[in-house]
N, C-alpha and C. Protein backbone atom coordinates (compact mmCIF):
# COMPACT_ATOMS: atom_id res chain seq x y z
N MET A 1 -3.71 -6.83 -11.63
CA MET A 1 -3.23 -7.93 -10.81
C MET A 1 -1.72 -7.95 -10.82
N ASN A 2 -1.13 -8.28 -9.71
CA ASN A 2 0.31 -8.39 -9.59
C ASN A 2 0.74 -9.68 -10.28
N ALA A 3 1.46 -9.54 -11.38
CA ALA A 3 1.85 -10.71 -12.17
C ALA A 3 2.81 -11.62 -11.41
N ASN A 4 3.50 -11.10 -10.41
CA ASN A 4 4.46 -11.89 -9.65
C ASN A 4 3.86 -12.49 -8.38
N ALA A 5 2.55 -12.36 -8.22
CA ALA A 5 1.91 -12.86 -7.01
C ALA A 5 2.03 -14.38 -6.92
N VAL A 6 2.37 -14.83 -5.73
CA VAL A 6 2.48 -16.26 -5.46
C VAL A 6 1.51 -16.56 -4.33
N VAL A 7 0.81 -17.65 -4.41
CA VAL A 7 -0.11 -18.01 -3.35
C VAL A 7 0.69 -18.13 -2.05
N ASP A 8 0.31 -17.34 -1.05
CA ASP A 8 1.05 -17.31 0.20
C ASP A 8 1.23 -18.68 0.83
N ALA A 9 0.17 -19.47 0.85
CA ALA A 9 0.24 -20.78 1.50
C ALA A 9 1.27 -21.68 0.83
N ALA A 10 1.57 -21.45 -0.44
CA ALA A 10 2.53 -22.30 -1.15
C ALA A 10 3.98 -21.95 -0.81
N CYS A 11 4.22 -20.76 -0.27
CA CYS A 11 5.60 -20.38 0.00
C CYS A 11 5.89 -20.18 1.48
N VAL A 12 4.91 -20.37 2.34
CA VAL A 12 5.11 -20.19 3.77
C VAL A 12 4.76 -21.48 4.48
N PHE A 13 5.72 -21.98 5.24
CA PHE A 13 5.50 -23.24 5.94
C PHE A 13 5.10 -23.02 7.40
N SER A 14 5.20 -21.77 7.86
CA SER A 14 4.89 -21.46 9.24
C SER A 14 4.45 -20.01 9.35
N ARG A 15 3.61 -19.73 10.34
CA ARG A 15 3.23 -18.34 10.60
C ARG A 15 4.43 -17.53 11.07
N HIS A 16 5.48 -18.23 11.47
CA HIS A 16 6.66 -17.57 12.02
C HIS A 16 7.82 -17.56 11.03
N ALA A 17 7.54 -17.64 9.76
CA ALA A 17 8.58 -17.64 8.72
C ALA A 17 9.18 -16.23 8.63
N LEU A 18 10.26 -15.99 9.38
CA LEU A 18 10.82 -14.65 9.50
C LEU A 18 11.29 -14.06 8.18
N ALA A 19 11.88 -14.86 7.32
CA ALA A 19 12.34 -14.34 6.03
C ALA A 19 11.16 -13.87 5.19
N TYR A 20 10.09 -14.64 5.21
CA TYR A 20 8.88 -14.26 4.46
C TYR A 20 8.28 -12.98 5.03
N LEU A 21 8.12 -12.93 6.34
CA LEU A 21 7.54 -11.76 6.99
C LEU A 21 8.41 -10.53 6.76
N GLY A 22 9.71 -10.67 6.93
CA GLY A 22 10.63 -9.55 6.72
C GLY A 22 10.62 -9.06 5.29
N GLY A 23 10.48 -9.96 4.35
CA GLY A 23 10.45 -9.60 2.95
C GLY A 23 9.19 -8.88 2.53
N ASN A 24 8.18 -8.94 3.37
CA ASN A 24 6.91 -8.29 3.05
C ASN A 24 6.67 -6.99 3.81
N ILE A 25 7.66 -6.49 4.51
CA ILE A 25 7.48 -5.23 5.22
C ILE A 25 7.25 -4.10 4.23
N ALA A 26 7.95 -4.11 3.12
CA ALA A 26 7.81 -3.04 2.13
C ALA A 26 7.11 -3.52 0.87
N SER A 27 6.29 -4.54 0.99
CA SER A 27 5.43 -4.98 -0.11
C SER A 27 4.49 -6.04 0.43
N SER A 28 3.23 -5.76 0.36
CA SER A 28 2.24 -6.72 0.81
C SER A 28 0.86 -6.09 0.72
N GLU A 29 -0.13 -6.79 1.24
CA GLU A 29 -1.49 -6.26 1.22
C GLU A 29 -1.53 -4.93 1.96
N GLY A 30 -2.10 -3.93 1.32
CA GLY A 30 -2.19 -2.61 1.91
C GLY A 30 -0.98 -1.75 1.65
N PHE A 31 0.11 -2.36 1.17
CA PHE A 31 1.31 -1.60 0.83
C PHE A 31 1.35 -1.31 -0.66
N ASP A 32 1.23 -2.34 -1.46
CA ASP A 32 1.24 -2.11 -2.91
C ASP A 32 0.15 -2.87 -3.66
N TRP A 33 -0.65 -3.68 -2.96
CA TRP A 33 -1.77 -4.37 -3.58
C TRP A 33 -2.85 -4.62 -2.54
N PHE A 34 -4.04 -5.04 -3.01
CA PHE A 34 -5.16 -5.35 -2.12
C PHE A 34 -6.03 -6.41 -2.76
N TYR A 35 -6.91 -6.98 -1.95
CA TYR A 35 -7.93 -7.92 -2.43
C TYR A 35 -9.25 -7.19 -2.51
N VAL A 36 -9.97 -7.35 -3.61
CA VAL A 36 -11.27 -6.70 -3.77
C VAL A 36 -12.33 -7.43 -2.94
N SER A 37 -12.21 -8.75 -2.82
CA SER A 37 -13.22 -9.54 -2.14
C SER A 37 -12.59 -10.73 -1.45
N ASP A 38 -13.39 -11.43 -0.64
CA ASP A 38 -12.90 -12.66 0.00
C ASP A 38 -12.57 -13.72 -1.04
N ALA A 39 -13.35 -13.77 -2.11
CA ALA A 39 -13.06 -14.73 -3.18
C ALA A 39 -11.70 -14.43 -3.81
N ASP A 40 -11.39 -13.16 -3.99
CA ASP A 40 -10.07 -12.79 -4.52
C ASP A 40 -8.97 -13.18 -3.54
N ARG A 41 -9.23 -13.03 -2.25
CA ARG A 41 -8.24 -13.43 -1.24
C ARG A 41 -7.98 -14.93 -1.33
N GLN A 42 -9.03 -15.72 -1.47
CA GLN A 42 -8.87 -17.17 -1.55
C GLN A 42 -8.08 -17.58 -2.79
N SER A 43 -8.30 -16.89 -3.90
CA SER A 43 -7.61 -17.24 -5.14
C SER A 43 -6.32 -16.44 -5.33
N GLN A 44 -6.01 -15.55 -4.35
CA GLN A 44 -4.81 -14.72 -4.39
C GLN A 44 -4.80 -13.76 -5.58
N LEU A 45 -5.98 -13.27 -5.98
CA LEU A 45 -6.08 -12.29 -7.05
C LEU A 45 -5.81 -10.91 -6.46
N ARG A 46 -4.63 -10.39 -6.69
CA ARG A 46 -4.18 -9.15 -6.09
C ARG A 46 -4.26 -8.00 -7.09
N ILE A 47 -4.77 -6.86 -6.63
CA ILE A 47 -4.90 -5.68 -7.47
C ILE A 47 -3.90 -4.64 -6.98
N SER A 48 -3.12 -4.09 -7.89
CA SER A 48 -2.14 -3.07 -7.52
C SER A 48 -2.82 -1.80 -7.04
N ILE A 49 -2.25 -1.18 -6.01
CA ILE A 49 -2.75 0.10 -5.52
C ILE A 49 -2.02 1.19 -6.30
N THR A 50 -2.77 1.91 -7.10
CA THR A 50 -2.19 2.97 -7.92
C THR A 50 -3.02 4.23 -7.77
N ASN A 51 -2.52 5.30 -8.28
CA ASN A 51 -3.26 6.55 -8.33
C ASN A 51 -2.92 7.18 -9.67
N SER A 52 -3.58 6.73 -10.70
CA SER A 52 -3.27 7.21 -12.05
C SER A 52 -3.66 8.66 -12.24
N ALA A 53 -4.60 9.17 -11.45
CA ALA A 53 -5.03 10.56 -11.61
C ALA A 53 -3.96 11.55 -11.15
N TYR A 54 -3.25 11.24 -10.06
CA TYR A 54 -2.31 12.20 -9.49
C TYR A 54 -0.92 11.63 -9.25
N GLY A 55 -0.72 10.36 -9.51
CA GLY A 55 0.60 9.76 -9.32
C GLY A 55 1.06 9.74 -7.87
N GLU A 56 0.13 9.60 -6.95
CA GLU A 56 0.45 9.56 -5.52
C GLU A 56 -0.17 8.32 -4.88
N PRO A 57 0.30 7.13 -5.20
CA PRO A 57 -0.33 5.93 -4.67
C PRO A 57 -0.25 5.80 -3.15
N TRP A 58 0.75 6.42 -2.53
CA TRP A 58 0.89 6.29 -1.07
C TRP A 58 -0.30 6.86 -0.33
N VAL A 59 -1.08 7.74 -0.96
CA VAL A 59 -2.28 8.29 -0.32
C VAL A 59 -3.26 7.17 0.01
N TRP A 60 -3.31 6.12 -0.82
CA TRP A 60 -4.27 5.04 -0.65
C TRP A 60 -3.65 3.78 -0.06
N ARG A 61 -2.35 3.78 0.17
CA ARG A 61 -1.66 2.59 0.70
C ARG A 61 -1.60 2.68 2.22
N PHE A 62 -2.53 2.03 2.91
CA PHE A 62 -2.63 2.17 4.35
C PHE A 62 -1.43 1.60 5.10
N ARG A 63 -0.60 0.78 4.48
CA ARG A 63 0.59 0.26 5.15
C ARG A 63 1.86 0.97 4.70
N ASP A 64 1.78 1.87 3.76
CA ASP A 64 2.96 2.59 3.25
C ASP A 64 3.15 3.88 4.04
N VAL A 65 3.18 3.76 5.36
CA VAL A 65 3.24 4.92 6.25
C VAL A 65 4.51 5.74 6.01
N GLY A 66 5.65 5.08 5.84
CA GLY A 66 6.91 5.80 5.64
C GLY A 66 6.90 6.69 4.42
N ASN A 67 6.35 6.20 3.33
CA ASN A 67 6.28 7.00 2.11
C ASN A 67 5.29 8.15 2.28
N TRP A 68 4.13 7.86 2.85
CA TRP A 68 3.14 8.90 3.09
C TRP A 68 3.74 9.99 3.99
N TRP A 69 4.45 9.57 5.02
CA TRP A 69 5.03 10.48 6.02
C TRP A 69 6.08 11.40 5.40
N SER A 70 6.75 10.94 4.36
CA SER A 70 7.85 11.72 3.77
C SER A 70 7.42 12.61 2.60
N GLN A 71 6.14 12.70 2.32
CA GLN A 71 5.64 13.47 1.18
C GLN A 71 4.77 14.64 1.64
N PHE A 72 4.70 15.66 0.82
CA PHE A 72 3.70 16.70 1.05
C PHE A 72 2.34 16.07 0.84
N TYR A 73 1.36 16.50 1.64
CA TYR A 73 0.02 15.95 1.51
C TYR A 73 -0.91 17.01 0.93
N HIS A 74 -1.76 16.57 0.03
CA HIS A 74 -2.78 17.43 -0.58
C HIS A 74 -4.14 16.88 -0.22
N ASP A 75 -5.02 17.74 0.27
CA ASP A 75 -6.40 17.31 0.52
C ASP A 75 -7.05 16.92 -0.80
N HIS A 76 -8.06 16.08 -0.72
CA HIS A 76 -8.79 15.61 -1.90
C HIS A 76 -10.29 15.81 -1.69
N PRO A 77 -10.76 17.06 -1.56
CA PRO A 77 -12.22 17.26 -1.35
C PRO A 77 -13.00 16.78 -2.57
N GLY A 78 -13.98 15.94 -2.31
CA GLY A 78 -14.79 15.39 -3.40
C GLY A 78 -13.99 14.53 -4.36
N GLY A 79 -12.82 14.03 -3.91
CA GLY A 79 -11.98 13.19 -4.75
C GLY A 79 -11.08 13.96 -5.70
N VAL A 80 -11.08 15.29 -5.61
CA VAL A 80 -10.25 16.11 -6.48
C VAL A 80 -9.10 16.69 -5.66
N ARG A 81 -7.88 16.46 -6.11
CA ARG A 81 -6.69 16.89 -5.38
C ARG A 81 -6.52 18.40 -5.42
N ASP A 82 -6.37 19.01 -4.23
CA ASP A 82 -6.04 20.44 -4.15
C ASP A 82 -4.67 20.67 -4.76
N VAL A 83 -4.51 21.78 -5.46
CA VAL A 83 -3.22 22.11 -6.07
C VAL A 83 -2.17 22.37 -4.99
N SER A 84 -2.53 23.10 -3.96
CA SER A 84 -1.59 23.45 -2.89
C SER A 84 -1.59 22.38 -1.81
N PRO A 85 -0.41 22.03 -1.29
CA PRO A 85 -0.36 21.06 -0.21
C PRO A 85 -0.86 21.66 1.10
N THR A 86 -1.16 20.80 2.06
CA THR A 86 -1.52 21.27 3.39
C THR A 86 -0.28 21.85 4.07
N ALA A 87 -0.46 22.39 5.25
CA ALA A 87 0.66 22.98 6.00
C ALA A 87 1.56 21.91 6.62
N LEU A 88 1.16 20.66 6.58
CA LEU A 88 1.96 19.58 7.15
C LEU A 88 3.31 19.50 6.45
N VAL A 89 4.38 19.56 7.22
CA VAL A 89 5.73 19.47 6.68
C VAL A 89 6.13 18.00 6.68
N PRO A 90 6.56 17.47 5.52
CA PRO A 90 6.92 16.05 5.45
C PRO A 90 7.98 15.70 6.51
N SER A 91 7.80 14.54 7.12
CA SER A 91 8.74 13.97 8.10
C SER A 91 8.86 14.80 9.37
N SER A 92 7.90 15.70 9.62
CA SER A 92 8.03 16.60 10.77
C SER A 92 7.47 16.03 12.07
N LYS A 93 6.62 15.05 12.01
CA LYS A 93 6.03 14.49 13.21
C LYS A 93 6.57 13.07 13.42
N PRO A 94 6.82 12.70 14.66
CA PRO A 94 7.30 11.33 14.91
C PRO A 94 6.20 10.31 14.63
N ILE A 95 6.62 9.15 14.15
CA ILE A 95 5.67 8.05 13.96
C ILE A 95 6.18 6.83 14.68
């Protein structure tokens, strides 16, 4: 769980709170944490997205596109990371 997590409703007074939204571009659900269930979402129980097996958390962070885009990618057949990266060159395709 993210020890610094604050209940969103307690710190946002509007859906249009630009400072809050801007501050969450590089940290938020799908970027560095996720909710396991709807009950966790209601209680704001956030779980950090990590990859302790290979040290590549951006592989699982669906909102961390910039970091994923700038790294070599390794296939994970059967959940096991290939030693050699794919032919994809980091930062080579526009996003």
